[in-house]
Amino acid sequence: MSEDPNKIILRPVVSEASLSRMEKGNELTFIVAKWANKPSIKRAFEALYNVKVDRVNVCITTKGEKKAYIKLSPEHKASDLASRMGIL
């Protein structure tokens, strides 16, 4: 299993729920590799986007994908990162 951040963080989730989490909780939602654990997701996200992550929560969707809820630390704004990535 590789530690390449691009193989861990697969794609952002853009939905009403994810946008609401971004505005209210400073969280971004991503689909991640199924084998990735919370510490590796945190390291990969921090390496890719040069931000500090407070915590990572994960769940498996009904489609069998692993979804990560990534809460950024207060000095970073999720909405700023989202617009930098082209989500907003």
Protein backbone atom coordinates (compact mmCIF):
# COMPACT_ATOMS: atom_id res chain seq x y z
CA MET A 1 0.00 0.00 0.00
CA SER A 2 1.41 3.29 -1.10
CA GLU A 3 1.58 6.56 0.80
CA ASP A 4 1.12 8.64 -2.37
CA PRO A 5 -1.43 11.34 -1.36
CA ASN A 6 -3.06 11.19 -4.81
CA LYS A 7 -3.80 7.49 -4.31
CA ILE A 8 -5.37 8.13 -0.90
CA ILE A 9 -7.49 11.26 -1.55
CA LEU A 10 -9.54 10.29 -4.62
CA ARG A 11 -12.14 13.02 -5.18
CA PRO A 12 -14.24 15.62 -3.39
CA VAL A 13 -17.92 15.07 -2.66
CA VAL A 14 -20.09 17.98 -3.77
CA SER A 15 -23.65 17.77 -2.45
CA GLU A 16 -26.02 19.91 -0.43
CA ALA A 17 -25.03 18.03 2.72
CA SER A 18 -21.30 18.44 2.09
CA LEU A 19 -21.68 22.16 1.34
CA SER A 20 -23.68 22.58 4.55
CA ARG A 21 -20.94 20.79 6.55
CA MET A 22 -18.38 23.07 4.91
CA GLU A 23 -20.22 26.25 5.95
CA LYS A 24 -21.28 25.15 9.43
CA GLY A 25 -18.44 22.92 10.58
CA ASN A 26 -15.39 23.94 8.51
CA GLU A 27 -15.39 20.38 7.08
CA LEU A 28 -14.68 19.04 3.61
CA THR A 29 -15.97 15.69 2.37
CA PHE A 30 -13.88 13.41 0.16
CA ILE A 31 -14.00 9.90 -1.23
CA VAL A 32 -10.78 8.17 -0.16
CA ALA A 33 -9.05 4.85 -0.80
CA LYS A 34 -10.76 1.98 1.02
CA TRP A 35 -7.53 0.79 2.62
CA ALA A 36 -6.58 4.23 4.01
CA ASN A 37 -6.85 4.83 7.75
CA LYS A 38 -7.50 8.14 9.54
CA PRO A 39 -3.82 9.05 10.16
CA SER A 40 -2.84 8.34 6.54
CA ILE A 41 -5.83 10.37 5.25
CA LYS A 42 -4.80 13.27 7.51
CA ARG A 43 -1.15 13.15 6.35
CA ALA A 44 -2.16 12.92 2.67
CA PHE A 45 -4.64 15.80 2.92
CA GLU A 46 -2.15 18.04 4.73
CA ALA A 47 0.53 17.22 2.14
CA LEU A 48 -1.75 17.81 -0.86
CA TYR A 49 -3.43 21.04 0.23
CA ASN A 50 -0.91 22.54 2.68
CA VAL A 51 -3.47 23.00 5.48
CA LYS A 52 -3.70 21.77 9.07
CA VAL A 53 -6.35 19.12 9.78
CA ASP A 54 -8.08 18.93 13.18
CA ARG A 55 -9.70 15.52 12.77
CA VAL A 56 -10.88 12.94 10.26
CA ASN A 57 -14.07 10.88 10.48
CA VAL A 58 -14.78 8.10 7.99
CA CYS A 59 -17.70 5.94 6.94
CA ILE A 60 -18.45 3.44 4.22
CA THR A 61 -21.22 4.55 1.85
CA THR A 62 -24.00 2.32 0.56
CA LYS A 63 -22.07 2.19 -2.74
CA GLY A 64 -19.14 0.65 -0.88
CA GLU A 65 -16.90 3.72 -1.09
CA LYS A 66 -15.05 5.18 1.90
CA LYS A 67 -16.05 8.75 2.67
CA ALA A 68 -13.89 11.00 4.84
CA TYR A 69 -15.14 14.07 6.67
CA ILE A 70 -12.06 16.25 7.11
CA LYS A 71 -12.33 19.04 9.68
CA LEU A 72 -9.82 21.81 9.16
CA SER A 73 -8.20 23.65 12.04
CA PRO A 74 -9.63 27.13 12.78
CA GLU A 75 -6.82 29.03 11.02
CA HIS A 76 -7.92 27.52 7.67
CA LYS A 77 -11.31 28.05 6.07
CA ALA A 78 -12.91 25.14 4.25
CA SER A 79 -14.71 27.51 1.87
CA ASP A 80 -11.39 29.15 0.86
CA LEU A 81 -9.83 25.75 0.14
CA ALA A 82 -12.94 24.64 -1.77
CA SER A 83 -12.84 27.69 -4.03
CA ARG A 84 -9.09 27.19 -4.55
CA MET A 85 -9.86 23.61 -5.65
CA GLY A 86 -12.68 24.75 -7.92
CA ILE A 87 -15.53 23.14 -5.97
CA LEU A 88 -17.31 26.45 -5.30
